[in-house]
Each structure stands twice: as structure tokens, then as C-alpha cells.
């Protein structure tokens, strides 16, 4: 359980195991800070989103291992920042950004149609946080590599080569 200073302790709902059970519970947000979903499909989509261990991250780590790149750590905190992949001895931090969540300039995903103000503010906070993390790490003399989800999907070999050059 996490504690939020504004609302107190956050309690997380146990997620239903079936669509029927989910529909019977109603369309409530899984986190009280978020607006309620507008449809069962939106709720299921949001339940499936995770913050780390995403498929692009797993694909990148598998490709790094396959090419013989070793010595990286996952979930390591540096200067208060937690990059997706950290190469400690060479001081390289890798972030794998989801194109939707971090607003990729190439993919240009459309905004969700409902709760637009919420989503605009959320995406703005994500971009500000990304810039802050980069500045903190670069000030501490770390090299930061930001990889977009579509780059991992479309040209994984090029991404691996770029990371290998940096380390």
C-alpha cells in the first residue's frame, strides 16, 4: 500500500477475474486520483497497463543478452531516479518510453476522447518528469539514452548497436 500526502493511504482493489464480474462491480477507477473509465473496454485497457517490465523493455533486454551485453541492472536507483536499464561501470542509463504515455513525436498518438483535460495534464507531467530525470542524471555525469517503443519494435538491432557503442 502506498501513501499519498493529499488523500492519505491508497487502497487498491482486488481485480476481478472475469469481464462479467468486472461489469457487475461498475466502472470505477483503479486509482482514486484517476477519472472513472467511460466503458468496460477502457477499464480493461487501463488495468493492463504497467509501469515497468513492459514488452518493449523485455524485448530490449532479451536482445542485449542475445548479443552478449552483460552487466546491466534493472530497478536500480541512481540519484533518486530509476532508469529502466542501468550500466553502472560505464555510467549509462537507458529509458524505454512508451509512445502513447510519453507522447512520441513520431507516432503522434491521438488523445483519448474522454477526460481530455485529465489526459493533457497527465501527459504534460510525464514529459516534465522525463526532462527532470535526464537533467538529474546528466548533472551527475551519466549518459542518458532514451529509446522509444516504436524504435524497439521497428529496428531493435539499431537500438542495441547504439547502446553497445555507449557502453
Protein backbone atom coordinates (compact mmCIF):
# COMPACT_ATOMS: atom_id res chain seq x y z
CA UNK A 1 0.00 0.00 0.00
CA UNK A 2 1.25 3.46 -0.92
CA UNK A 3 0.57 6.65 0.95
CA UNK A 4 -0.31 9.86 -0.84
CA UNK A 5 0.00 13.03 1.23
CA UNK A 6 -3.07 14.58 -0.38
CA UNK A 7 -5.54 11.73 0.06
CA UNK A 8 -3.96 9.51 2.73
CA UNK A 9 -3.27 5.80 2.24
CA UNK A 10 -4.28 4.42 -1.13
CA UNK A 11 -6.09 1.13 -1.02
CA UNK A 12 -6.03 -0.95 -4.14
CA UNK A 13 -8.98 -3.01 -5.24
CA UNK A 14 -8.51 -6.69 -5.89
CA UNK A 15 -9.09 -7.01 -9.61
CA UNK A 16 -11.96 -9.24 -10.75
CA UNK A 17 -11.09 -12.37 -12.66
CA UNK A 18 -13.76 -12.12 -15.36
CA UNK A 19 -15.31 -9.46 -17.57
CA UNK A 20 -18.74 -10.27 -16.12
CA UNK A 21 -17.53 -9.78 -12.55
CA UNK A 22 -15.82 -6.54 -13.60
CA UNK A 23 -19.02 -5.28 -15.25
CA UNK A 24 -21.04 -6.12 -12.12
CA UNK A 25 -18.70 -4.02 -9.96
CA UNK A 26 -19.20 -0.96 -12.10
CA UNK A 27 -16.79 1.30 -13.89
CA UNK A 28 -14.68 2.67 -11.06
CA UNK A 29 -11.10 3.86 -11.41
CA UNK A 30 -8.42 1.52 -10.06
CA UNK A 31 -6.65 4.56 -8.56
CA UNK A 32 -8.75 7.23 -6.83
CA UNK A 33 -6.71 10.02 -8.48
CA UNK A 34 -7.92 8.96 -11.93
CA UNK A 35 -11.32 9.65 -13.51
CA UNK A 36 -13.76 6.79 -13.83
CA UNK A 37 -13.50 4.95 -17.17
CA UNK A 38 -16.22 5.52 -19.72
CA UNK A 39 -16.54 1.90 -20.85
CA UNK A 40 -15.66 -1.62 -19.83
CA UNK A 41 -13.10 -1.73 -22.65
CA UNK A 42 -11.37 1.38 -21.30
CA UNK A 43 -11.27 -0.12 -17.81
CA UNK A 44 -9.77 -3.37 -19.07
CA UNK A 45 -7.21 -1.45 -21.09
CA UNK A 46 -6.13 0.62 -18.10
CA UNK A 47 -5.90 -2.46 -15.86
CA UNK A 48 -3.45 -3.97 -18.35
CA UNK A 49 -1.04 -1.02 -18.21
CA UNK A 50 2.06 -1.47 -16.08
CA UNK A 51 4.90 0.86 -15.16
CA UNK A 52 7.85 -1.47 -15.66
CA UNK A 53 8.57 -4.83 -17.22
CA UNK A 54 6.74 -3.81 -20.37
CA UNK A 55 7.08 -5.80 -23.57
CA UNK A 56 9.44 -3.23 -25.21
CA UNK A 57 11.70 -3.34 -22.12
CA UNK A 58 11.70 -7.14 -22.08
CA UNK A 59 12.43 -7.30 -25.82
CA UNK A 60 15.33 -4.87 -25.45
CA UNK A 61 16.82 -6.76 -22.51
CA UNK A 62 16.49 -10.07 -24.38
CA UNK A 63 18.23 -8.56 -27.43
CA UNK A 64 21.02 -7.16 -25.23
CA UNK A 65 21.56 -10.59 -23.66
CA UNK A 66 21.48 -12.28 -27.06
CA UNK A 67 24.25 -10.01 -28.34
CA UNK A 68 26.40 -10.67 -25.29
CA UNK A 69 25.81 -7.41 -23.44
CA UNK A 70 26.02 -8.15 -19.74
CA UNK A 71 26.45 -6.17 -16.56
CA UNK A 72 23.26 -4.13 -16.59
CA UNK A 73 20.86 -3.79 -13.70
CA UNK A 74 17.12 -3.31 -13.65
CA UNK A 75 15.27 -1.33 -10.96
CA UNK A 76 18.44 0.38 -9.71
CA UNK A 77 18.04 3.83 -8.20
CA UNK A 78 20.61 6.45 -9.20
CA UNK A 79 20.49 9.97 -7.79
CA UNK A 80 16.83 9.41 -6.91
CA UNK A 81 15.99 8.32 -10.47
CA UNK A 82 15.12 4.78 -11.51
CA UNK A 83 16.01 4.16 -15.20
CA UNK A 84 14.73 1.04 -16.96
CA UNK A 85 18.24 -0.34 -17.60
CA UNK A 86 21.44 0.79 -15.86
CA UNK A 87 25.02 0.05 -16.89
CA UNK A 88 26.82 1.08 -13.70
CA UNK A 89 30.52 0.84 -14.58
CA UNK A 90 30.07 2.77 -17.83
CA UNK A 91 27.53 5.18 -16.27
CA UNK A 92 24.86 4.70 -18.93
CA UNK A 93 21.15 4.91 -18.08
CA UNK A 94 18.54 3.69 -20.57
CA UNK A 95 14.88 4.71 -20.54
CA UNK A 96 12.38 2.85 -22.72
CA UNK A 97 9.49 5.24 -23.34
CA UNK A 98 6.05 4.08 -24.41
CA UNK A 99 4.96 6.09 -27.44
CA UNK A 100 1.47 6.75 -26.05
CA UNK A 101 2.40 7.61 -22.47
CA UNK A 102 5.40 9.81 -23.26
CA UNK A 103 3.90 11.36 -26.43
CA UNK A 104 6.28 10.22 -29.12
CA UNK A 105 6.76 12.95 -31.74
CA UNK A 106 6.98 10.32 -34.49
CA UNK A 107 3.89 8.25 -33.69
CA UNK A 108 1.64 11.16 -32.70
CA UNK A 109 -0.99 9.04 -30.96
CA UNK A 110 -4.34 10.83 -30.66
CA UNK A 111 -5.55 11.99 -27.27
CA UNK A 112 -8.25 9.91 -25.61
CA UNK A 113 -11.69 11.30 -26.44
CA UNK A 114 -12.99 11.39 -22.88
CA UNK A 115 -11.48 13.22 -19.91
CA UNK A 116 -9.22 15.24 -22.23
CA UNK A 117 -8.18 17.74 -19.55
CA UNK A 118 -7.03 14.91 -17.29
CA UNK A 119 -5.02 13.29 -20.08
CA UNK A 120 -3.44 16.56 -21.25
CA UNK A 121 -2.27 17.29 -17.72
CA UNK A 122 -1.02 13.72 -17.24
CA UNK A 123 0.99 13.71 -20.47
CA UNK A 124 2.43 17.13 -19.64
CA UNK A 125 3.55 15.85 -16.21
CA UNK A 126 5.11 12.77 -17.86
CA UNK A 127 7.16 14.91 -20.25
CA UNK A 128 8.26 17.28 -17.48
CA UNK A 129 9.29 14.32 -15.32
CA UNK A 130 11.26 12.81 -18.24
CA UNK A 131 13.20 16.07 -18.71
CA UNK A 132 13.89 16.34 -14.96
CA UNK A 133 15.21 12.77 -14.79
CA UNK A 134 17.50 13.40 -17.75
CA UNK A 135 18.85 16.63 -16.23
CA UNK A 136 19.49 14.98 -12.85
CA UNK A 137 21.41 12.09 -14.39
CA UNK A 138 23.40 14.26 -16.80
CA UNK A 139 24.34 16.60 -13.94
CA UNK A 140 25.70 13.55 -12.12
CA UNK A 141 27.80 12.71 -15.22
CA UNK A 142 25.65 9.85 -16.55
CA UNK A 143 24.94 9.28 -20.23
CA UNK A 144 21.21 9.00 -20.83
CA UNK A 145 19.72 7.04 -23.72
CA UNK A 146 16.02 7.40 -24.39
CA UNK A 147 14.55 4.67 -26.58
CA UNK A 148 11.02 4.87 -27.95
CA UNK A 149 8.71 1.88 -28.05
CA UNK A 150 8.43 2.09 -31.85
CA UNK A 151 12.24 2.00 -32.19
CA UNK A 152 12.36 -1.27 -30.26
CA UNK A 153 9.53 -2.66 -32.36
CA UNK A 154 10.81 -1.46 -35.77
CA UNK A 155 14.62 -1.55 -35.55
CA UNK A 156 15.79 -3.39 -32.44
CA UNK A 157 19.23 -4.14 -33.90
CA UNK A 158 19.96 -0.42 -34.36
CA UNK A 159 18.91 0.31 -30.75
CA UNK A 160 21.18 -2.46 -29.43
CA UNK A 161 24.10 -1.14 -31.52
CA UNK A 162 23.59 2.38 -30.13
CA UNK A 163 23.58 1.09 -26.58
CA UNK A 164 26.66 -1.06 -27.19
CA UNK A 165 28.51 1.98 -28.56
CA UNK A 166 27.61 3.99 -25.45
CA UNK A 167 28.87 1.38 -23.02
